[in-house]
């Protein structure tokens, strides 16, 4: 299957669509691209083959890969220097959420005069940017989780404060996205599970967020259904291309839907990602049942609607059981203290950071800092509410 659709941006979907990168560049009038990927992906045969083919198509191809997961502002600065020194005119962002976030941030910052932190997702900060200086982006995800390819923001850590910041501008939504399930075949079961649970967290929190946004609700519901259908399958059988494509679609759907809002799953995760370099999808998966049960009163009706749509016996308890069973099947730890030494966790610091996180305002239940601390405590002890 090869198909294109145009929501929320131009999406080129199907096996081996990665072969159309140069075609995408020509469509966007990119003649001197920078290929942005991370330190791990740059050494893979898959990536090398793509680069060999691209070098046949372009007289000059810059490559930037000097970063790993949970990227810092300095990584973006280095990428911008590479972009400008090579006189690039567009970005090919290839990889998981970190690579695509960095690629988007490079395309955004290559012509700006203010520091990246001046464009945090607060109020109308994005209007400070010179929109005419933002370059075109082609995004090619190799994981099915963050959905950064259909997002208008990048998650970047401010090393000085140790806080993960959300950098926003409407024009950093990639112009063309290539969804090729063949690129995700070699994803390990561990990363398949973590990124898949990230996609679930996005769709789930978007659906449960307060407010009127029926389009986001519809997208999130179908995203959850696709995850229920295919996540366990790709964990067990990574060669199933149909299931891999389901997960890629669910990932893009999650990031499209969460323009409606996120919640405490993400609030709790972001400080842990920044302070302990924990994979974002893994932390989301760990926090999920604690946040859901904390929000039970406010979201029970919505959870029952999800059950009805995806074929689970309709009750809040049955949905939580499905989440818990799924985590167990995917070998997701039950407690935060299973992956971080409890003695190294500063609850007061994490709680303050989480309370200040922009996702907090989207939580169905209004939160104070003590609520945040209590959810952290439950995630450490393993006791649900």
Protein backbone atom coordinates (compact mmCIF):
# COMPACT_ATOMS: atom_id res chain seq x y z
CA UNK A 1 0.00 0.00 0.00
CA UNK A 2 1.20 3.47 -0.94
CA UNK A 3 -1.13 6.34 -0.18
CA UNK A 4 -0.97 10.06 0.58
CA UNK A 5 -3.20 12.04 2.87
CA UNK A 6 -3.15 15.65 3.99
CA UNK A 7 -4.05 15.86 7.66
CA UNK A 8 -2.66 17.56 9.67
CA UNK A 9 0.10 17.93 7.05
CA UNK A 10 1.15 16.14 3.87
CA UNK A 11 1.64 12.45 4.78
CA UNK A 12 3.29 9.94 2.42
CA UNK A 13 2.39 6.50 3.73
CA UNK A 14 3.48 2.99 2.84
CA UNK A 15 6.29 0.48 2.63
CA UNK A 16 9.52 1.81 1.09
CA UNK A 17 8.22 5.39 0.90
CA UNK A 18 11.61 6.37 2.35
CA UNK A 19 12.81 6.09 -1.24
CA UNK A 20 10.83 9.27 -1.96
CA UNK A 21 12.95 11.59 0.20
CA UNK A 22 14.60 13.30 -2.75
CA UNK A 23 11.19 13.70 -4.39
CA UNK A 24 9.94 15.38 -1.20
CA UNK A 25 12.96 17.72 -1.22
CA UNK A 26 12.28 18.71 -4.81
CA UNK A 27 8.62 19.38 -4.02
CA UNK A 28 9.67 21.72 -1.20
CA UNK A 29 12.50 23.25 -3.30
CA UNK A 30 15.16 21.99 -0.90
CA UNK A 31 18.44 21.72 -2.81
CA UNK A 32 20.94 21.65 0.05
CA UNK A 33 19.44 19.69 2.99
CA UNK A 34 20.85 18.72 6.33
CA UNK A 35 20.08 15.16 7.41
CA UNK A 36 19.45 15.14 11.17
CA UNK A 37 19.54 11.89 13.11
CA UNK A 38 20.94 10.72 16.45
CA UNK A 39 24.22 9.07 17.49
CA UNK A 40 22.72 5.58 17.50
CA UNK A 41 20.86 5.71 14.20
CA UNK A 42 23.73 7.23 12.24
CA UNK A 43 25.68 3.96 12.53
CA UNK A 44 22.92 1.64 11.32
CA UNK A 45 23.03 -0.01 7.88
CA UNK A 46 19.51 1.28 7.25
CA UNK A 47 20.65 4.87 7.71
CA UNK A 48 23.84 4.41 5.71
CA UNK A 49 21.88 3.10 2.72
CA UNK A 50 19.58 6.11 2.84
CA UNK A 51 22.55 8.50 3.02
CA UNK A 52 24.30 6.79 0.11
CA UNK A 53 21.19 7.22 -2.02
CA UNK A 54 20.73 10.84 -0.99
CA UNK A 55 24.35 11.70 -1.79
CA UNK A 56 23.67 10.56 -5.35
CA UNK A 57 20.82 13.06 -5.57
CA UNK A 58 22.45 16.13 -4.01
CA UNK A 59 25.74 17.86 -4.73
CA UNK A 60 26.16 18.46 -1.03
CA UNK A 61 24.46 16.75 1.88
CA UNK A 62 25.20 17.91 5.42
CA UNK A 63 24.73 15.41 8.24
CA UNK A 64 24.21 16.30 11.91
CA UNK A 65 24.02 13.58 14.57
CA UNK A 66 25.81 14.97 17.62
CA UNK A 67 23.09 14.19 20.16
CA UNK A 68 21.29 11.34 21.91
CA UNK A 69 17.89 10.86 23.55
CA UNK A 70 16.46 13.68 25.68
CA UNK A 71 18.38 16.41 23.76
CA UNK A 72 19.70 19.66 25.23
CA UNK A 73 19.60 23.22 23.97
CA UNK A 74 23.32 22.98 23.21
CA UNK A 75 22.60 20.18 20.76
CA UNK A 76 20.26 22.46 18.85
CA UNK A 77 22.85 25.26 18.88
CA UNK A 78 25.46 22.90 17.41
CA UNK A 79 22.99 21.80 14.75
CA UNK A 80 22.18 25.40 13.82
CA UNK A 81 25.90 26.14 13.41
CA UNK A 82 26.27 23.13 11.11
CA UNK A 83 23.16 24.16 9.14
CA UNK A 84 24.31 27.73 8.61
CA UNK A 85 27.94 26.89 7.90
CA UNK A 86 26.81 24.45 5.21
CA UNK A 87 24.32 27.02 3.84
CA UNK A 88 21.49 24.51 4.06
CA UNK A 89 17.97 25.31 2.95
CA UNK A 90 15.92 22.55 4.58
CA UNK A 91 15.94 19.75 7.14
CA UNK A 92 15.42 16.00 6.79
CA UNK A 93 14.66 14.80 10.34
CA UNK A 94 15.11 11.05 10.60
CA UNK A 95 14.59 8.97 13.73
CA UNK A 96 12.62 8.85 16.94
CA UNK A 97 11.13 11.76 18.83
CA UNK A 98 14.50 13.19 19.88
CA UNK A 99 15.87 13.29 16.33
CA UNK A 100 12.72 14.84 14.92
CA UNK A 101 12.52 17.35 17.79
CA UNK A 102 16.13 18.41 17.17
CA UNK A 103 15.59 18.60 13.41
CA UNK A 104 12.51 20.77 13.86
CA UNK A 105 14.33 23.01 16.35
CA UNK A 106 17.25 23.46 13.93
CA UNK A 107 14.88 24.44 11.12
CA UNK A 108 13.21 26.88 13.50
CA UNK A 109 16.30 28.44 15.06
CA UNK A 110 18.55 28.68 11.98
CA UNK A 111 17.36 32.24 11.28
CA UNK A 112 16.37 33.49 14.75
CA UNK A 113 18.34 36.04 16.78
CA UNK A 114 16.83 35.28 20.18
CA UNK A 115 17.73 32.22 22.32
CA UNK A 116 15.54 29.15 21.94
CA UNK A 117 14.10 29.54 25.47
CA UNK A 118 12.40 32.77 24.37
CA UNK A 119 10.03 30.61 22.31
CA UNK A 120 8.78 28.36 25.09
CA UNK A 121 5.12 27.35 24.74
CA UNK A 122 3.81 30.13 26.96
CA UNK A 123 1.11 32.51 25.79
CA UNK A 124 2.09 34.16 22.52
CA UNK A 125 5.87 33.74 22.90
CA UNK A 126 5.91 32.11 19.45
CA UNK A 127 5.08 35.47 17.88
CA UNK A 128 8.57 36.65 18.85
CA UNK A 129 9.99 34.54 16.02
CA UNK A 130 10.73 35.69 12.49
CA UNK A 131 8.48 33.25 10.65
CA UNK A 132 10.10 33.99 7.30
CA UNK A 133 13.37 32.47 8.56
CA UNK A 134 11.93 29.04 9.43
CA UNK A 135 13.06 26.33 7.00
CA UNK A 136 11.02 23.49 5.53
CA UNK A 137 11.12 20.15 7.33
CA UNK A 138 10.70 16.59 6.09
CA UNK A 139 10.09 14.24 9.02
CA UNK A 140 10.63 10.49 8.84
CA UNK A 141 9.88 8.63 12.09
CA UNK A 142 11.66 5.35 12.84
CA UNK A 143 9.69 4.75 16.03
CA UNK A 144 5.95 4.77 16.67
CA UNK A 145 5.45 6.80 19.81
CA UNK A 146 6.12 10.50 20.15
CA UNK A 147 4.31 11.62 17.02
CA UNK A 148 6.69 14.59 16.81
CA UNK A 149 6.35 14.40 13.04
CA UNK A 150 2.82 15.82 13.29
CA UNK A 151 3.50 18.25 16.13
CA UNK A 152 4.17 21.97 16.22
CA UNK A 153 6.59 21.79 19.13
CA UNK A 154 9.95 20.39 20.20
CA UNK A 155 10.84 19.07 23.66
CA UNK A 156 14.33 20.30 24.56
CA UNK A 157 16.09 20.24 27.95
CA UNK A 158 17.51 23.45 29.38
CA UNK A 159 20.73 22.11 30.91
CA UNK A 160 21.12 25.10 33.24
CA UNK A 161 17.74 24.55 34.92
CA UNK A 162 17.46 20.80 34.27
CA UNK A 163 13.93 21.33 32.97
CA UNK A 164 12.48 19.95 29.74
CA UNK A 165 10.97 22.87 27.84
CA UNK A 166 8.35 22.77 25.10
CA UNK A 167 9.37 25.06 22.23
CA UNK A 168 6.42 26.01 20.02
CA UNK A 169 5.76 27.59 16.66
CA UNK A 170 3.00 26.71 14.15
CA UNK A 171 5.50 26.65 11.27
CA UNK A 172 7.64 23.86 12.71
CA UNK A 173 4.96 21.37 11.78
CA UNK A 174 6.86 19.37 9.12
CA UNK A 175 5.74 20.09 5.56
CA UNK A 176 6.00 16.45 4.47
CA UNK A 177 5.94 13.34 6.69
CA UNK A 178 7.01 9.93 5.40
CA UNK A 179 5.47 7.02 7.30
CA UNK A 180 7.33 3.88 6.21
CA UNK A 181 6.65 0.84 8.42
CA UNK A 182 9.76 -0.91 7.07
CA UNK A 183 11.89 1.62 8.97
CA UNK A 184 10.49 0.36 12.29
CA UNK A 185 11.00 -3.39 11.70
CA UNK A 186 14.34 -3.52 13.52
CA UNK A 187 13.11 -1.57 16.53
CA UNK A 188 13.81 -3.67 19.62
CA UNK A 189 10.89 -5.12 21.60
CA UNK A 190 11.90 -2.89 24.52
CA UNK A 191 11.71 0.31 22.46
CA UNK A 192 8.65 -0.92 20.58
CA UNK A 193 6.89 -1.27 23.94
CA UNK A 194 8.04 2.08 25.37
CA UNK A 195 7.24 4.10 22.25
CA UNK A 196 3.91 2.33 21.82
CA UNK A 197 2.92 3.20 25.38
CA UNK A 198 3.94 6.79 24.65
CA UNK A 199 1.47 6.82 21.75
CA UNK A 200 -1.19 5.38 24.06
CA UNK A 201 -0.51 8.09 26.66
CA UNK A 202 -0.93 10.81 24.03
CA UNK A 203 -4.22 9.49 22.70
CA UNK A 204 -5.55 8.68 26.15
CA UNK A 205 -4.70 11.99 27.79
CA UNK A 206 -6.01 13.90 24.77
CA UNK A 207 -9.35 12.10 24.96
CA UNK A 208 -9.64 12.65 28.72
CA UNK A 209 -8.59 16.30 28.63
CA UNK A 210 -11.41 18.73 29.45
CA UNK A 211 -12.86 20.95 26.77
CA UNK A 212 -14.81 20.71 23.52
CA UNK A 213 -12.79 19.30 20.63
CA UNK A 214 -14.74 16.48 18.96
CA UNK A 215 -12.22 16.09 16.13
CA UNK A 216 -9.40 15.44 18.61
CA UNK A 217 -11.65 13.06 20.56
CA UNK A 218 -12.47 11.05 17.44
CA UNK A 219 -8.83 10.81 16.39
CA UNK A 220 -7.76 9.79 19.90
CA UNK A 221 -10.39 7.05 20.14
CA UNK A 222 -9.30 5.45 16.89
CA UNK A 223 -5.65 5.80 17.91
CA UNK A 224 -6.36 3.85 21.10
CA UNK A 225 -8.18 1.17 19.10
CA UNK A 226 -5.22 0.73 16.74
CA UNK A 227 -2.87 0.44 19.71
CA UNK A 228 -5.05 -2.20 21.36
CA UNK A 229 -5.13 -4.07 18.07
CA UNK A 230 -1.43 -3.95 17.20
CA UNK A 231 0.95 -2.97 20.02
CA UNK A 232 1.21 -6.42 21.58
CA UNK A 233 1.52 -7.92 18.10
CA UNK A 234 4.51 -5.77 17.08
CA UNK A 235 6.11 -6.43 20.47
CA UNK A 236 5.93 -10.17 19.79
CA UNK A 237 6.38 -10.06 16.02
CA UNK A 238 8.27 -7.00 14.87
CA UNK A 239 8.18 -8.17 11.24
CA UNK A 240 4.42 -7.61 10.92
CA UNK A 241 4.32 -4.61 8.60
CA UNK A 242 0.57 -4.12 8.85
CA UNK A 243 0.78 -3.88 12.63
CA UNK A 244 3.83 -1.62 12.37
CA UNK A 245 1.85 0.71 10.12
CA UNK A 246 -1.06 0.68 12.60
CA UNK A 247 1.33 1.87 15.30
CA UNK A 248 2.86 4.58 13.11
CA UNK A 249 -0.63 5.86 12.35
CA UNK A 250 -1.63 5.73 16.04
CA UNK A 251 1.49 7.69 16.94
CA UNK A 252 0.72 10.50 14.48
CA UNK A 253 -2.89 10.46 15.65
CA UNK A 254 -1.85 10.93 19.27
CA UNK A 255 0.20 14.04 18.56
CA UNK A 256 -2.57 15.40 16.34
CA UNK A 257 -5.16 14.83 19.07
CA UNK A 258 -3.19 16.26 21.96
CA UNK A 259 -3.55 19.79 20.68
CA UNK A 260 -6.65 19.43 22.86
CA UNK A 261 -4.43 18.93 25.91
CA UNK A 262 -2.33 16.50 27.92
CA UNK A 263 -2.26 15.89 31.66
CA UNK A 264 -0.40 14.61 34.70
CA UNK A 265 1.10 11.56 32.97
CA UNK A 266 3.25 14.01 31.03
CA UNK A 267 3.67 16.41 33.94
CA UNK A 268 5.18 13.63 36.05
CA UNK A 269 7.29 12.29 33.16
CA UNK A 270 9.08 15.40 31.98
CA UNK A 271 11.09 16.04 35.18
CA UNK A 272 12.07 12.37 35.37
CA UNK A 273 13.20 12.43 31.73
CA UNK A 274 15.31 15.53 32.32
CA UNK A 275 16.82 14.55 35.68
CA UNK A 276 17.41 10.84 35.17
CA UNK A 277 17.55 10.45 31.36
CA UNK A 278 14.65 7.98 31.45
CA UNK A 279 12.97 7.22 28.12
CA UNK A 280 9.84 9.36 27.85
CA UNK A 281 7.60 6.52 26.71
CA UNK A 282 8.77 4.30 29.55
CA UNK A 283 8.04 6.93 32.20
CA UNK A 284 4.63 7.60 30.66
CA UNK A 285 3.86 3.89 30.82
CA UNK A 286 4.88 3.70 34.48
CA UNK A 287 2.85 6.73 35.56
CA UNK A 288 -0.25 5.89 33.51
CA UNK A 289 -2.31 3.79 35.97
CA UNK A 290 -1.47 6.04 38.93
CA UNK A 291 -2.67 9.15 37.11
CA UNK A 292 -5.76 7.44 35.71
CA UNK A 293 -6.88 6.18 39.09
CA UNK A 294 -6.16 9.58 40.67
CA UNK A 295 -8.43 11.16 38.02
CA UNK A 296 -11.10 8.45 38.28
CA UNK A 297 -14.01 10.64 39.34
CA UNK A 298 -13.44 13.15 36.53
CA UNK A 299 -12.80 10.65 33.70
CA UNK A 300 -14.92 7.57 34.44
CA UNK A 301 -17.53 8.36 31.78
CA UNK A 302 -14.86 8.96 29.16
CA UNK A 303 -13.07 5.74 30.06
CA UNK A 304 -16.34 3.83 29.69
CA UNK A 305 -16.73 5.41 26.22
CA UNK A 306 -13.28 4.12 25.32
CA UNK A 307 -14.20 0.64 26.58
CA UNK A 308 -17.29 0.67 24.40
CA UNK A 309 -15.30 1.65 21.31
CA UNK A 310 -12.35 -0.73 21.68
CA UNK A 311 -14.27 -3.76 22.94
CA UNK A 312 -13.59 -3.93 26.67
CA UNK A 313 -16.37 -4.69 29.16
CA UNK A 314 -17.58 -1.27 30.16
CA UNK A 315 -16.17 -0.24 33.53
CA UNK A 316 -13.31 1.90 34.78
CA UNK A 317 -11.86 -1.10 36.62
CA UNK A 318 -11.78 -3.24 33.47
CA UNK A 319 -9.96 -0.51 31.58
CA UNK A 320 -7.33 -0.21 34.32
CA UNK A 321 -6.96 -4.00 34.25
CA UNK A 322 -6.32 -3.82 30.50
CA UNK A 323 -3.63 -1.17 31.07
CA UNK A 324 -2.01 -3.22 33.83
CA UNK A 325 -2.13 -6.44 31.80
CA UNK A 326 -0.72 -4.69 28.75
CA UNK A 327 2.17 -3.26 30.74
CA UNK A 328 2.94 -6.70 32.12
CA UNK A 329 2.85 -8.27 28.66
CA UNK A 330 5.25 -5.59 27.42
CA UNK A 331 7.62 -6.04 30.40
CA UNK A 332 6.99 -2.46 31.60
CA UNK A 333 8.05 -1.98 35.25
CA UNK A 334 5.21 -1.30 37.65
CA UNK A 335 7.00 1.27 39.82
CA UNK A 336 9.25 4.26 39.31
CA UNK A 337 11.47 2.79 42.00
CA UNK A 338 12.03 -0.23 39.73
CA UNK A 339 14.14 1.93 37.39
CA UNK A 340 15.46 4.70 39.69
CA UNK A 341 17.08 4.32 43.11
CA UNK A 342 14.47 5.65 45.53
CA UNK A 343 17.22 7.31 47.57
CA UNK A 344 18.12 9.49 44.58
CA UNK A 345 14.60 10.83 44.11
CA UNK A 346 14.05 14.33 45.44
CA UNK A 347 10.26 14.39 45.62
CA UNK A 348 10.00 18.07 46.49
CA UNK A 349 12.12 19.10 43.52
CA UNK A 350 10.36 16.78 41.07
CA UNK A 351 6.94 17.84 42.33
CA UNK A 352 7.74 21.53 41.83
CA UNK A 353 9.02 20.87 38.31
CA UNK A 354 5.98 18.76 37.45
CA UNK A 355 3.53 21.30 38.86
CA UNK A 356 5.12 24.00 36.67
CA UNK A 357 4.98 21.80 33.56
CA UNK A 358 2.54 23.09 30.89
CA UNK A 359 0.79 19.71 30.74
CA UNK A 360 -0.47 20.16 34.30
CA UNK A 361 -3.15 22.61 33.25
CA UNK A 362 -4.72 20.03 30.96
CA UNK A 363 -5.25 17.43 33.66
CA UNK A 364 -8.97 16.57 34.15
CA UNK A 365 -8.68 17.12 37.91
CA UNK A 366 -7.32 20.47 39.03
CA UNK A 367 -3.92 19.84 40.61
CA UNK A 368 -1.92 21.39 43.39
CA UNK A 369 1.67 20.53 44.24
CA UNK A 370 0.61 18.09 46.99
CA UNK A 371 -1.45 16.11 44.46
CA UNK A 372 1.63 15.84 42.28
CA UNK A 373 3.78 14.68 45.17
CA UNK A 374 1.16 12.10 46.17
CA UNK A 375 1.10 10.63 42.66
CA UNK A 376 4.90 10.38 42.70
CA UNK A 377 4.70 8.63 46.08
CA UNK A 378 2.19 6.10 44.75
CA UNK A 379 4.33 5.44 41.68
CA UNK A 380 7.26 4.68 44.00
CA UNK A 381 5.29 2.42 46.37
CA UNK A 382 3.29 0.75 43.60
CA UNK A 383 -0.07 1.35 45.28
CA UNK A 384 -2.90 2.64 43.12
CA UNK A 385 -5.40 5.14 44.53
